[in-house]
Amino acid sequence: MPSFKTHAIIGAIAGLGTYIAYKSVQRDEDDSEPFDWLTAACCAGIGVAIASLPDVLEPATSPNHRGFFHSIFVLFLIGLCLTGISAKCAIRLLLYVSGAAYLSHLLADFRTTKCLPWI
């Protein structure tokens, strides 16, 4: 079972990676778009917080703690929501980072022997 530290590291990487990918797409459209280190750090921090959320909602007291918020159904819902985002730039980035970080937690738990419940 991955620990808080593992989920935090993976969440930070997911948040930062999402920001880099987002900026890459923006720079393809407009070369004058600068890379903002403060925003990158904030995305990594948001990634840490959101990647920890499933275990806050369903505390990891045992390997059998995984319920709805750790389910494959939630994994599917997040993926579905991320494909339909059409919000303003800052909100869109926040939603992408949050979705990627939450998904990082579920994917890390998916690799364990207990896996994830369906619902």
PDB file of N, CA and C in Angstrom:
ATOM      1  N   MET A   1       0.855  -1.172   0.000  1.00  0.00           N
ATOM      2  CA  MET A   1       0.000   0.000   0.000  1.00  0.00           C
ATOM      3  C   MET A   1       0.901   1.235   0.000  1.00  0.00           C
ATOM      4  N   PRO A   2       0.798   2.109  -1.022  1.00  0.00           N
ATOM      5  CA  PRO A   2       1.637   3.309  -1.077  1.00  0.00           C
ATOM      6  C   PRO A   2       1.360   4.231   0.114  1.00  0.00           C
ATOM      7  N   SER A   3       2.413   4.836   0.626  1.00  0.00           N
ATOM      8  CA  SER A   3       2.293   5.719   1.782  1.00  0.00           C
ATOM      9  C   SER A   3       1.931   7.134   1.359  1.00  0.00           C
ATOM     10  N   PHE A   4       1.677   7.993   2.358  1.00  0.00           N
ATOM     11  CA  PHE A   4       1.398   9.405   2.080  1.00  0.00           C
ATOM     12  C   PHE A   4       2.548  10.024   1.302  1.00  0.00           C
ATOM     13  N   LYS A   5       3.780   9.701   1.707  1.00  0.00           N
ATOM     14  CA  LYS A   5       4.950  10.272   1.051  1.00  0.00           C
ATOM     15  C   LYS A   5       4.989   9.877  -0.432  1.00  0.00           C
ATOM     16  N   THR A   6       4.694   8.632  -0.724  1.00  0.00           N
ATOM     17  CA  THR A   6       4.674   8.159  -2.111  1.00  0.00           C
ATOM     18  C   THR A   6       3.612   8.897  -2.920  1.00  0.00           C
ATOM     19  N   HIS A   7       2.410   9.004  -2.348  1.00  0.00           N
ATOM     20  CA  HIS A   7       1.332   9.705  -3.046  1.00  0.00           C
ATOM     21  C   HIS A   7       1.676  11.188  -3.224  1.00  0.00           C
ATOM     22  N   ALA A   8       2.329  11.791  -2.235  1.00  0.00           N
ATOM     23  CA  ALA A   8       2.709  13.204  -2.323  1.00  0.00           C
ATOM     24  C   ALA A   8       3.718  13.425  -3.449  1.00  0.00           C
ATOM     25  N   ILE A   9       4.707  12.556  -3.541  1.00  0.00           N
ATOM     26  CA  ILE A   9       5.731  12.695  -4.591  1.00  0.00           C
ATOM     27  C   ILE A   9       5.103  12.504  -5.969  1.00  0.00           C
ATOM     28  N   ILE A  10       4.286  11.466  -6.111  1.00  0.00           N
ATOM     29  CA  ILE A  10       3.636  11.205  -7.397  1.00  0.00           C
ATOM     30  C   ILE A  10       2.681  12.348  -7.745  1.00  0.00           C
ATOM     31  N   GLY A  11       1.970  12.880  -6.751  1.00  0.00           N
ATOM     32  CA  GLY A  11       1.057  14.000  -6.983  1.00  0.00           C
ATOM     33  C   GLY A  11       1.792  15.260  -7.417  1.00  0.00           C
ATOM     34  N   ALA A  12       2.942  15.532  -6.791  1.00  0.00           N
ATOM     35  CA  ALA A  12       3.746  16.704  -7.182  1.00  0.00           C
ATOM     36  C   ALA A  12       4.229  16.560  -8.622  1.00  0.00           C
ATOM     37  N   ILE A  13       4.673  15.371  -8.972  1.00  0.00           N
ATOM     38  CA  ILE A  13       5.126  15.118 -10.344  1.00  0.00           C
ATOM     39  C   ILE A  13       3.958  15.264 -11.314  1.00  0.00           C
ATOM     40  N   ALA A  14       2.783  14.757 -10.937  1.00  0.00           N
ATOM     41  CA  ALA A  14       1.600  14.874 -11.796  1.00  0.00           C
ATOM     42  C   ALA A  14       1.211  16.342 -11.982  1.00  0.00           C
ATOM     43  N   GLY A  15       1.239  17.129 -10.905  1.00  0.00           N
ATOM     44  CA  GLY A  15       0.894  18.547 -10.999  1.00  0.00           C
ATOM     45  C   GLY A  15       1.877  19.319 -11.853  1.00  0.00           C
ATOM     46  N   LEU A  16       3.160  19.106 -11.615  1.00  0.00           N
ATOM     47  CA  LEU A  16       4.190  19.795 -12.392  1.00  0.00           C
ATOM     48  C   LEU A  16       4.163  19.351 -13.856  1.00  0.00           C
ATOM     49  N   GLY A  17       4.021  18.065 -14.079  1.00  0.00           N
ATOM     50  CA  GLY A  17       3.964  17.536 -15.445  1.00  0.00           C
ATOM     51  C   GLY A  17       2.765  18.070 -16.207  1.00  0.00           C
ATOM     52  N   THR A  18       1.651  18.199 -15.524  1.00  0.00           N
ATOM     53  CA  THR A  18       0.451  18.748 -16.161  1.00  0.00           C
ATOM     54  C   THR A  18       0.673  20.206 -16.550  1.00  0.00           C
ATOM     55  N   TYR A  19       1.316  20.971 -15.658  1.00  0.00           N
ATOM     56  CA  TYR A  19       1.607  22.373 -15.981  1.00  0.00           C
ATOM     57  C   TYR A  19       2.540  22.474 -17.191  1.00  0.00           C
ATOM     58  N   ILE A  20       3.566  21.648 -17.220  1.00  0.00           N
ATOM     59  CA  ILE A  20       4.515  21.670 -18.348  1.00  0.00           C
ATOM     60  C   ILE A  20       3.799  21.327 -19.655  1.00  0.00           C
ATOM     61  N   ALA A  21       2.951  20.313 -19.619  1.00  0.00           N
ATOM     62  CA  ALA A  21       2.199  19.940 -20.828  1.00  0.00           C
ATOM     63  C   ALA A  21       1.247  21.061 -21.240  1.00  0.00           C
ATOM     64  N   TYR A  22       0.584  21.678 -20.272  1.00  0.00           N
ATOM     65  CA  TYR A  22      -0.346  22.771 -20.540  1.00  0.00           C
ATOM     66  C   TYR A  22       0.378  23.958 -21.176  1.00  0.00           C
ATOM     67  N   LYS A  23       1.536  24.306 -20.616  1.00  0.00           N
ATOM     68  CA  LYS A  23       2.318  25.417 -21.165  1.00  0.00           C
ATOM     69  C   LYS A  23       2.852  25.079 -22.554  1.00  0.00           C
ATOM     70  N   SER A  24       3.190  23.854 -22.785  1.00  0.00           N
ATOM     71  CA  SER A  24       3.681  23.427 -24.089  1.00  0.00           C
ATOM     72  C   SER A  24       2.616  23.647 -25.155  1.00  0.00           C
ATOM     73  N   VAL A  25       1.376  23.296 -24.841  1.00  0.00           N
ATOM     74  CA  VAL A  25       0.278  23.506 -25.779  1.00  0.00           C
ATOM     75  C   VAL A  25       0.057  25.002 -25.993  1.00  0.00           C
ATOM     76  N   GLN A  26       0.113  25.788 -24.905  1.00  0.00           N
ATOM     77  CA  GLN A  26      -0.051  27.238 -25.032  1.00  0.00           C
ATOM     78  C   GLN A  26       1.045  27.854 -25.889  1.00  0.00           C
ATOM     79  N   ARG A  27       2.266  27.390 -25.725  1.00  0.00           N
ATOM     80  CA  ARG A  27       3.382  27.949 -26.488  1.00  0.00           C
ATOM     81  C   ARG A  27       3.293  27.584 -27.963  1.00  0.00           C
ATOM     82  N   ASP A  28       2.668  26.458 -28.266  1.00  0.00           N
ATOM     83  CA  ASP A  28       2.441  26.112 -29.670  1.00  0.00           C
ATOM     84  C   ASP A  28       1.520  27.128 -30.326  1.00  0.00           C
ATOM     85  N   GLU A  29       0.565  27.647 -29.534  1.00  0.00           N
ATOM     86  CA  GLU A  29      -0.384  28.628 -30.058  1.00  0.00           C
ATOM     87  C   GLU A  29       0.180  30.044 -30.034  1.00  0.00           C
ATOM     88  N   ASP A  30       1.022  30.361 -29.022  1.00  0.00           N
ATOM     89  CA  ASP A  30       1.561  31.710 -28.854  1.00  0.00           C
ATOM     90  C   ASP A  30       2.963  31.610 -28.270  1.00  0.00           C
ATOM     91  N   ASP A  31       3.987  31.885 -29.091  1.00  0.00           N
ATOM     92  CA  ASP A  31       5.386  31.753 -28.658  1.00  0.00           C
ATOM     93  C   ASP A  31       5.774  32.703 -27.535  1.00  0.00           C
ATOM     94  N   SER A  32       5.009  33.736 -27.289  1.00  0.00           N
ATOM     95  CA  SER A  32       5.374  34.703 -26.253  1.00  0.00           C
ATOM     96  C   SER A  32       4.933  34.276 -24.853  1.00  0.00           C
ATOM     97  N   GLU A  33       4.276  33.138 -24.737  1.00  0.00           N
ATOM     98  CA  GLU A  33       3.826  32.644 -23.429  1.00  0.00           C
ATOM     99  C   GLU A  33       5.030  32.242 -22.575  1.00  0.00           C
ATOM    100  N   PRO A  34       5.292  32.946 -21.455  1.00  0.00           N
ATOM    101  CA  PRO A  34       6.438  32.601 -20.614  1.00  0.00           C
ATOM    102  C   PRO A  34       6.129  31.426 -19.683  1.00  0.00           C
ATOM    103  N   PHE A  35       7.171  30.738 -19.277  1.00  0.00           N
ATOM    104  CA  PHE A  35       7.052  29.680 -18.268  1.00  0.00           C
ATOM    105  C   PHE A  35       7.095  30.362 -16.912  1.00  0.00           C
ATOM    106  N   ASP A  36       6.091  30.150 -16.087  1.00  0.00           N
ATOM    107  CA  ASP A  36       5.998  30.806 -14.789  1.00  0.00           C
ATOM    108  C   ASP A  36       6.364  29.815 -13.685  1.00  0.00           C
ATOM    109  N   TRP A  37       7.503  30.036 -13.045  1.00  0.00           N
ATOM    110  CA  TRP A  37       7.986  29.119 -12.010  1.00  0.00           C
ATOM    111  C   TRP A  37       7.074  29.096 -10.791  1.00  0.00           C
ATOM    112  N   LEU A  38       6.463  30.234 -10.446  1.00  0.00           N
ATOM    113  CA  LEU A  38       5.556  30.274  -9.304  1.00  0.00           C
ATOM    114  C   LEU A  38       4.317  29.426  -9.575  1.00  0.00           C
ATOM    115  N   THR A  39       3.772  29.549 -10.762  1.00  0.00           N
ATOM    116  CA  THR A  39       2.614  28.728 -11.128  1.00  0.00           C
ATOM    117  C   THR A  39       2.995  27.251 -11.166  1.00  0.00           C
ATOM    118  N   ALA A  40       4.183  26.952 -11.649  1.00  0.00           N
ATOM    119  CA  ALA A  40       4.655  25.562 -11.675  1.00  0.00           C
ATOM    120  C   ALA A  40       4.744  25.000 -10.256  1.00  0.00           C
ATOM    121  N   ALA A  41       5.275  25.796  -9.331  1.00  0.00           N
ATOM    122  CA  ALA A  41       5.379  25.353  -7.928  1.00  0.00           C
ATOM    123  C   ALA A  41       3.994  25.186  -7.309  1.00  0.00           C
ATOM    124  N   CYS A  42       3.076  26.098  -7.624  1.00  0.00           N
ATOM    125  CA  CYS A  42       1.702  25.980  -7.120  1.00  0.00           C
ATOM    126  C   CYS A  42       1.024  24.719  -7.650  1.00  0.00           C
ATOM    127  N   CYS A  43       1.257  24.409  -8.913  1.00  0.00           N
ATOM    128  CA  CYS A  43       0.684  23.192  -9.506  1.00  0.00           C
ATOM    129  C   CYS A  43       1.230  21.941  -8.808  1.00  0.00           C
ATOM    130  N   ALA A  44       2.510  21.948  -8.488  1.00  0.00           N
ATOM    131  CA  ALA A  44       3.098  20.816  -7.760  1.00  0.00           C
ATOM    132  C   ALA A  44       2.474  20.709  -6.366  1.00  0.00           C
ATOM    133  N   GLY A  45       2.277  21.856  -5.695  1.00  0.00           N
ATOM    134  CA  GLY A  45       1.652  21.851  -4.366  1.00  0.00           C
ATOM    135  C   GLY A  45       0.214  21.378  -4.402  1.00  0.00           C
ATOM    136  N   ILE A  46      -0.526  21.835  -5.402  1.00  0.00           N
ATOM    137  CA  ILE A  46      -1.907  21.373  -5.572  1.00  0.00           C
ATOM    138  C   ILE A  46      -1.909  19.874  -5.840  1.00  0.00           C
ATOM    139  N   GLY A  47      -0.939  19.408  -6.613  1.00  0.00           N
ATOM    140  CA  GLY A  47      -0.823  17.980  -6.885  1.00  0.00           C
ATOM    141  C   GLY A  47      -0.636  17.166  -5.620  1.00  0.00           C
ATOM    142  N   VAL A  48       0.205  17.670  -4.701  1.00  0.00           N
ATOM    143  CA  VAL A  48       0.422  16.980  -3.419  1.00  0.00           C
ATOM    144  C   VAL A  48      -0.888  16.914  -2.639  1.00  0.00           C
ATOM    145  N   ALA A  49      -1.598  18.046  -2.552  1.00  0.00           N
ATOM    146  CA  ALA A  49      -2.837  18.098  -1.770  1.00  0.00           C
ATOM    147  C   ALA A  49      -3.923  17.194  -2.353  1.00  0.00           C
ATOM    148  N   ILE A  50      -4.127  17.270  -3.656  1.00  0.00           N
ATOM    149  CA  ILE A  50      -5.206  16.495  -4.279  1.00  0.00           C
ATOM    150  C   ILE A  50      -4.871  15.003  -4.324  1.00  0.00           C
ATOM    151  N   ALA A  51      -3.600  14.665  -4.501  1.00  0.00           N
ATOM    152  CA  ALA A  51      -3.219  13.245  -4.522  1.00  0.00           C
ATOM    153  C   ALA A  51      -3.428  12.600  -3.153  1.00  0.00           C
ATOM    154  N   SER A  52      -3.468  13.405  -2.105  1.00  0.00           N
ATOM    155  CA  SER A  52      -3.702  12.888  -0.754  1.00  0.00           C
ATOM    156  C   SER A  52      -5.192  12.760  -0.442  1.00  0.00           C
ATOM    157  N   LEU A  53      -6.030  13.395  -1.244  1.00  0.00           N
ATOM    158  CA  LEU A  53      -7.464  13.464  -0.975  1.00  0.00           C
ATOM    159  C   LEU A  53      -8.164  12.112  -0.833  1.00  0.00           C
ATOM    160  N   PRO A  54      -7.921  11.121  -1.689  1.00  0.00           N
ATOM    161  CA  PRO A  54      -8.630   9.850  -1.509  1.00  0.00           C
ATOM    162  C   PRO A  54      -8.403   9.223  -0.124  1.00  0.00           C
ATOM    163  N   ASP A  55      -7.180   9.347   0.419  1.00  0.00           N
ATOM    164  CA  ASP A  55      -6.915   8.777   1.735  1.00  0.00           C
ATOM    165  C   ASP A  55      -7.430   9.664   2.866  1.00  0.00           C
ATOM    166  N   VAL A  56      -7.718  10.929   2.581  1.00  0.00           N
ATOM    167  CA  VAL A  56      -8.380  11.789   3.574  1.00  0.00           C
ATOM    168  C   VAL A  56      -9.856  11.414   3.632  1.00  0.00           C
ATOM    169  N   LEU A  57     -10.458  11.192   2.460  1.00  0.00           N
ATOM    170  CA  LEU A  57     -11.871  10.821   2.401  1.00  0.00           C
ATOM    171  C   LEU A  57     -12.118   9.405   2.913  1.00  0.00           C
ATOM    172  N   GLU A  58     -11.187   8.509   2.652  1.00  0.00           N
ATOM    173  CA  GLU A  58     -11.266   7.118   3.128  1.00  0.00           C
ATOM    174  C   GLU A  58      -9.911   6.764   3.735  1.00  0.00           C
ATOM    175  N   PRO A  59      -9.728   7.064   5.034  1.00  0.00           N
ATOM    176  CA  PRO A  59      -8.415   6.880   5.663  1.00  0.00           C
ATOM    177  C   PRO A  59      -7.864   5.470   5.495  1.00  0.00           C
ATOM    178  N   ALA A  60      -6.562   5.409   5.278  1.00  0.00           N
ATOM    179  CA  ALA A  60      -5.874   4.135   5.040  1.00  0.00           C
ATOM    180  C   ALA A  60      -5.579   3.446   6.364  1.00  0.00           C
ATOM    181  N   THR A  61      -6.628   2.914   6.983  1.00  0.00           N
ATOM    182  CA  THR A  61      -6.461   2.210   8.257  1.00  0.00           C
ATOM    183  C   THR A  61      -6.115   0.741   8.058  1.00  0.00           C
ATOM    184  N   SER A  62      -6.405   0.223   6.868  1.00  0.00           N
ATOM    185  CA  SER A  62      -6.071  -1.163   6.545  1.00  0.00           C
ATOM    186  C   SER A  62      -6.015  -1.277   5.021  1.00  0.00           C
ATOM    187  N   PRO A  63      -5.484  -2.389   4.500  1.00  0.00           N
ATOM    188  CA  PRO A  63      -5.476  -2.561   3.046  1.00  0.00           C
ATOM    189  C   PRO A  63      -6.884  -2.616   2.443  1.00  0.00           C
ATOM    190  N   ASN A  64      -7.899  -2.848   3.285  1.00  0.00           N
ATOM    191  CA  ASN A  64      -9.284  -2.938   2.803  1.00  0.00           C
ATOM    192  C   ASN A  64     -10.040  -1.613   2.936  1.00  0.00           C
ATOM    193  N   HIS A  65      -9.337  -0.492   3.085  1.00  0.00           N
ATOM    194  CA  HIS A  65      -9.992   0.796   3.307  1.00  0.00           C
ATOM    195  C   HIS A  65     -10.603   1.386   2.047  1.00  0.00           C
ATOM    196  N   ARG A  66     -10.291   0.845   0.924  1.00  0.00           N
ATOM    197  CA  ARG A  66     -10.697   1.460  -0.338  1.00  0.00           C
ATOM    198  C   ARG A  66     -12.177   1.240  -0.625  1.00  0.00           C
ATOM    199  N   GLY A  67     -12.895   2.351  -0.770  1.00  0.00           N
ATOM    200  CA  GLY A  67     -14.317   2.321  -1.101  1.00  0.00           C
ATOM    201  C   GLY A  67     -14.567   3.116  -2.360  1.00  0.00           C
ATOM    202  N   PHE A  68     -15.654   3.864  -2.373  1.00  0.00           N
ATOM    203  CA  PHE A  68     -16.081   4.595  -3.556  1.00  0.00           C
ATOM    204  C   PHE A  68     -15.017   5.549  -4.092  1.00  0.00           C
ATOM    205  N   PHE A  69     -14.370   6.315  -3.210  1.00  0.00           N
ATOM    206  CA  PHE A  69     -13.402   7.322  -3.669  1.00  0.00           C
ATOM    207  C   PHE A  69     -12.088   6.718  -4.159  1.00  0.00           C
ATOM    208  N   HIS A  70     -11.939   5.419  -4.016  1.00  0.00           N
ATOM    209  CA  HIS A  70     -10.788   4.687  -4.549  1.00  0.00           C
ATOM    210  C   HIS A  70     -11.211   3.742  -5.674  1.00  0.00           C
ATOM    211  N   SER A  71     -12.384   3.945  -6.237  1.00  0.00           N
ATOM    212  CA  SER A  71     -12.926   2.946  -7.162  1.00  0.00           C
ATOM    213  C   SER A  71     -12.573   3.229  -8.625  1.00  0.00           C
ATOM    214  N   ILE A  72     -12.695   2.199  -9.429  1.00  0.00           N
ATOM    215  CA  ILE A  72     -12.487   2.317 -10.875  1.00  0.00           C
ATOM    216  C   ILE A  72     -13.570   3.223 -11.478  1.00  0.00           C
ATOM    217  N   PHE A  73     -14.752   3.228 -10.862  1.00  0.00           N
ATOM    218  CA  PHE A  73     -15.822   4.104 -11.325  1.00  0.00           C
ATOM    219  C   PHE A  73     -15.411   5.578 -11.203  1.00  0.00           C
ATOM    220  N   VAL A  74     -14.796   5.976 -10.098  1.00  0.00           N
ATOM    221  CA  VAL A  74     -14.325   7.350  -9.931  1.00  0.00           C
ATOM    222  C   VAL A  74     -13.204   7.641 -10.929  1.00  0.00           C
ATOM    223  N   LEU A  75     -12.339   6.679 -11.155  1.00  0.00           N
ATOM    224  CA  LEU A  75     -11.281   6.824 -12.168  1.00  0.00           C
ATOM    225  C   LEU A  75     -11.905   7.136 -13.533  1.00  0.00           C
ATOM    226  N   PHE A  76     -12.940   6.409 -13.880  1.00  0.00           N
ATOM    227  CA  PHE A  76     -13.656   6.635 -15.142  1.00  0.00           C
ATOM    228  C   PHE A  76     -14.316   8.017 -15.163  1.00  0.00           C
ATOM    229  N   LEU A  77     -14.971   8.410 -14.071  1.00  0.00           N
ATOM    230  CA  LEU A  77     -15.646   9.713 -14.008  1.00  0.00           C
ATOM    231  C   LEU A  77     -14.670  10.870 -14.174  1.00  0.00           C
ATOM    232  N   ILE A  78     -13.522  10.788 -13.527  1.00  0.00           N
ATOM    233  CA  ILE A  78     -12.531  11.854 -13.637  1.00  0.00           C
ATOM    234  C   ILE A  78     -12.029  11.952 -15.077  1.00  0.00           C
ATOM    235  N   GLY A  79     -11.725  10.826 -15.678  1.00  0.00           N
ATOM    236  CA  GLY A  79     -11.286  10.835 -17.068  1.00  0.00           C
ATOM    237  C   GLY A  79     -12.332  11.428 -17.990  1.00  0.00           C
ATOM    238  N   LEU A  80     -13.586  11.080 -17.766  1.00  0.00           N
ATOM    239  CA  LEU A  80     -14.686  11.606 -18.563  1.00  0.00           C
ATOM    240  C   LEU A  80     -14.813  13.122 -18.385  1.00  0.00           C
ATOM    241  N   CYS A  81     -14.704  13.590 -17.161  1.00  0.00           N
ATOM    242  CA  CYS A  81     -14.804  15.033 -16.892  1.00  0.00           C
ATOM    243  C   CYS A  81     -13.643  15.800 -17.512  1.00  0.00           C
ATOM    244  N   LEU A  82     -12.449  15.247 -17.468  1.00  0.00           N
ATOM    245  CA  LEU A  82     -11.291  15.955 -18.005  1.00  0.00           C
ATOM    246  C   LEU A  82     -11.356  16.124 -19.516  1.00  0.00           C
ATOM    247  N   THR A  83     -12.064  15.246 -20.188  1.00  0.00           N
ATOM    248  CA  THR A  83     -12.160  15.378 -21.649  1.00  0.00           C
ATOM    249  C   THR A  83     -13.136  16.471 -22.061  1.00  0.00           C
ATOM    250  N   GLY A  84     -14.027  16.876 -21.171  1.00  0.00           N
ATOM    251  CA  GLY A  84     -15.044  17.862 -21.532  1.00  0.00           C
ATOM    252  C   GLY A  84     -14.831  19.243 -20.946  1.00  0.00           C
ATOM    253  N   ILE A  85     -13.631  19.557 -20.456  1.00  0.00           N
ATOM    254  CA  ILE A  85     -13.388  20.854 -19.820  1.00  0.00           C
ATOM    255  C   ILE A  85     -13.295  21.956 -20.872  1.00  0.00           C
ATOM    256  N   SER A  86     -14.102  23.001 -20.673  1.00  0.00           N
ATOM    257  CA  SER A  86     -14.028  24.155 -21.568  1.00  0.00           C
ATOM    258  C   SER A  86     -14.098  25.452 -20.762  1.00  0.00           C
ATOM    259  N   ALA A  87     -13.480  25.468 -19.602  1.00  0.00           N
ATOM    260  CA  ALA A  87     -13.516  26.635 -18.718  1.00  0.00           C
ATOM    261  C   ALA A  87     -12.428  27.640 -19.098  1.00  0.00           C
ATOM    262  N   LYS A  88     -12.383  28.751 -18.372  1.00  0.00           N
ATOM    263  CA  LYS A  88     -11.340  29.766 -18.571  1.00  0.00           C
ATOM    264  C   LYS A  88      -9.980  29.154 -18.264  1.00  0.00           C
ATOM    265  N   CYS A  89      -8.911  29.780 -18.743  1.00  0.00           N
ATOM    266  CA  CYS A  89      -7.556  29.223 -18.651  1.00  0.00           C
ATOM    267  C   CYS A  89      -7.134  28.814 -17.243  1.00  0.00           C
ATOM    268  N   ALA A  90      -7.242  29.717 -16.252  1.00  0.00           N
ATOM    269  CA  ALA A  90      -6.768  29.405 -14.907  1.00  0.00           C
ATOM    270  C   ALA A  90      -7.574  28.276 -14.280  1.00  0.00           C
ATOM    271  N   ILE A  91      -8.883  28.296 -14.479  1.00  0.00           N
ATOM    272  CA  ILE A  91      -9.728  27.240 -13.920  1.00  0.00           C
ATOM    273  C   ILE A  91      -9.464  25.924 -14.635  1.00  0.00           C
ATOM    274  N   ARG A  92      -9.269  25.989 -15.943  1.00  0.00           N
ATOM    275  CA  ARG A  92      -8.977  24.783 -16.716  1.00  0.00           C
ATOM    276  C   ARG A  92      -7.681  24.139 -16.220  1.00  0.00           C
ATOM    277  N   LEU A  93      -6.654  24.961 -16.004  1.00  0.00           N
ATOM    278  CA  LEU A  93      -5.384  24.432 -15.498  1.00  0.00           C
ATOM    279  C   LEU A  93      -5.573  23.799 -14.126  1.00  0.00           C
ATOM    280  N   LEU A  94      -6.320  24.457 -13.247  1.00  0.00           N
ATOM    281  CA  LEU A  94      -6.577  23.913 -11.914  1.00  0.00           C
ATOM    282  C   LEU A  94      -7.297  22.573 -12.001  1.00  0.00           C
ATOM    283  N   LEU A  95      -8.272  22.467 -12.882  1.00  0.00           N
ATOM    284  CA  LEU A  95      -9.007  21.211 -13.039  1.00  0.00           C
ATOM    285  C   LEU A  95      -8.120  20.110 -13.624  1.00  0.00           C
ATOM    286  N   TYR A  96      -7.296  20.457 -14.594  1.00  0.00           N
ATOM    287  CA  TYR A  96      -6.377  19.463 -15.162  1.00  0.00           C
ATOM    288  C   TYR A  96      -5.393  18.956 -14.103  1.00  0.00           C
ATOM    289  N   VAL A  97      -4.807  19.879 -13.343  1.00  0.00           N
ATOM    290  CA  VAL A  97      -3.841  19.491 -12.305  1.00  0.00           C
ATOM    291  C   VAL A  97      -4.524  18.629 -11.246  1.00  0.00           C
ATOM    292  N   SER A  98      -5.709  19.054 -10.810  1.00  0.00           N
ATOM    293  CA  SER A  98      -6.443  18.289  -9.796  1.00  0.00           C
ATOM    294  C   SER A  98      -6.806  16.898 -10.295  1.00  0.00           C
ATOM    295  N   GLY A  99      -7.286  16.826 -11.524  1.00  0.00           N
ATOM    296  CA  GLY A  99      -7.643  15.522 -12.085  1.00  0.00           C
ATOM    297  C   GLY A  99      -6.445  14.609 -12.228  1.00  0.00           C
ATOM    298  N   ALA A 100      -5.337  15.153 -12.710  1.00  0.00           N
ATOM    299  CA  ALA A 100      -4.130  14.338 -12.876  1.00  0.00           C
ATOM    300  C   ALA A 100      -3.603  13.851 -11.532  1.00  0.00           C
ATOM    301  N   ALA A 101      -3.649  14.708 -10.516  1.00  0.00           N
ATOM    302  CA  ALA A 101      -3.155  14.319  -9.198  1.00  0.00           C
ATOM    303  C   ALA A 101      -4.035  13.237  -8.570  1.00  0.00           C
ATOM    304  N   TYR A 102      -5.347  13.397  -8.666  1.00  0.00           N
ATOM    305  CA  TYR A 102      -6.264  12.385  -8.123  1.00  0.00           C
ATOM    306  C   TYR A 102      -6.067  11.054  -8.853  1.00  0.00           C
ATOM    307  N   LEU A 103      -5.949  11.148 -10.175  1.00  0.00           N
ATOM    308  CA  LEU A 103      -5.705   9.932 -10.954  1.00  0.00           C
ATOM    309  C   LEU A 103      -4.387   9.271 -10.558  1.00  0.00           C
ATOM    310  N   SER A 104      -3.371  10.077 -10.242  1.00  0.00           N
ATOM    311  CA  SER A 104      -2.081   9.511  -9.844  1.00  0.00           C
ATOM    312  C   SER A 104      -2.225   8.659  -8.585  1.00  0.00           C
ATOM    313  N   HIS A 105      -3.073   9.102  -7.661  1.00  0.00           N
ATOM    314  CA  HIS A 105      -3.303   8.323  -6.442  1.00  0.00           C
ATOM    315  C   HIS A 105      -3.970   6.987  -6.772  1.00  0.00           C
ATOM    316  N   LEU A 106      -5.020   7.065  -7.581  1.00  0.00           N
ATOM    317  CA  LEU A 106      -5.728   5.825  -7.921  1.00  0.00           C
ATOM    318  C   LEU A 106      -4.851   4.861  -8.710  1.00  0.00           C
ATOM    319  N   LEU A 107      -4.046   5.387  -9.620  1.00  0.00           N
ATOM    320  CA  LEU A 107      -3.170   4.508 -10.400  1.00  0.00           C
ATOM    321  C   LEU A 107      -2.079   3.882  -9.533  1.00  0.00           C
ATOM    322  N   ALA A 108      -1.585   4.618  -8.550  1.00  0.00           N
ATOM    323  CA  ALA A 108      -0.595   4.041  -7.631  1.00  0.00           C
ATOM    324  C   ALA A 108      -1.234   2.926  -6.804  1.00  0.00           C
ATOM    325  N   ASP A 109      -2.471   3.132  -6.347  1.00  0.00           N
ATOM    326  CA  ASP A 109      -3.164   2.098  -5.573  1.00  0.00           C
ATOM    327  C   ASP A 109      -3.583   0.921  -6.448  1.00  0.00           C
ATOM    328  N   PHE A 110      -3.827   1.174  -7.718  1.00  0.00           N
ATOM    329  CA  PHE A 110      -4.238   0.122  -8.643  1.00  0.00           C
ATOM    330  C   PHE A 110      -3.171  -0.959  -8.764  1.00  0.00           C
ATOM    331  N   ARG A 111      -1.920  -0.568  -8.595  1.00  0.00           N
ATOM    332  CA  ARG A 111      -0.801  -1.503  -8.755  1.00  0.00           C
ATOM    333  C   ARG A 111      -0.571  -2.389  -7.533  1.00  0.00           C
ATOM    334  N   THR A 112      -1.334  -2.198  -6.461  1.00  0.00           N
ATOM    335  CA  THR A 112      -1.148  -3.009  -5.253  1.00  0.00           C
ATOM    336  C   THR A 112      -1.919  -4.322  -5.377  1.00  0.00           C
ATOM    337  N   THR A 113      -1.683  -5.240  -4.454  1.00  0.00           N
ATOM    338  CA  THR A 113      -2.364  -6.537  -4.507  1.00  0.00           C
ATOM    339  C   THR A 113      -3.865  -6.403  -4.274  1.00  0.00           C
ATOM    340  N   LYS A 114      -4.299  -5.399  -3.499  1.00  0.00           N
ATOM    341  CA  LYS A 114      -5.728  -5.206  -3.251  1.00  0.00           C
ATOM    342  C   LYS A 114      -6.416  -4.485  -4.411  1.00  0.00           C
ATOM    343  N   CYS A 115      -5.642  -3.867  -5.280  1.00  0.00           N
ATOM    344  CA  CYS A 115      -6.156  -3.164  -6.468  1.00  0.00           C
ATOM    345  C   CYS A 115      -7.190  -2.120  -6.067  1.00  0.00           C
ATOM    346  N   LEU A 116      -8.198  -1.884  -6.908  1.00  0.00           N
ATOM    347  CA  LEU A 116      -9.263  -0.929  -6.647  1.00  0.00           C
ATOM    348  C   LEU A 116     -10.603  -1.629  -6.771  1.00  0.00           C
ATOM    349  N   PRO A 117     -11.587  -1.217  -5.949  1.00  0.00           N
ATOM    350  CA  PRO A 117     -12.925  -1.784  -6.132  1.00  0.00           C
ATOM    351  C   PRO A 117     -13.567  -1.210  -7.399  1.00  0.00           C
ATOM    352  N   TRP A 118     -14.551  -1.898  -7.948  1.00  0.00           N
ATOM    353  CA  TRP A 118     -15.238  -1.396  -9.137  1.00  0.00           C
ATOM    354  C   TRP A 118     -16.065  -0.163  -8.807  1.00  0.00           C
ATOM    355  N   ILE A 119     -16.801  -0.193  -7.721  1.00  0.00           N
ATOM    356  CA  ILE A 119     -17.625   0.952  -7.302  1.00  0.00           C
ATOM    357  C   ILE A 119     -17.453   1.169  -5.820  1.00  0.00           C
TER     358      ILE A 119
END
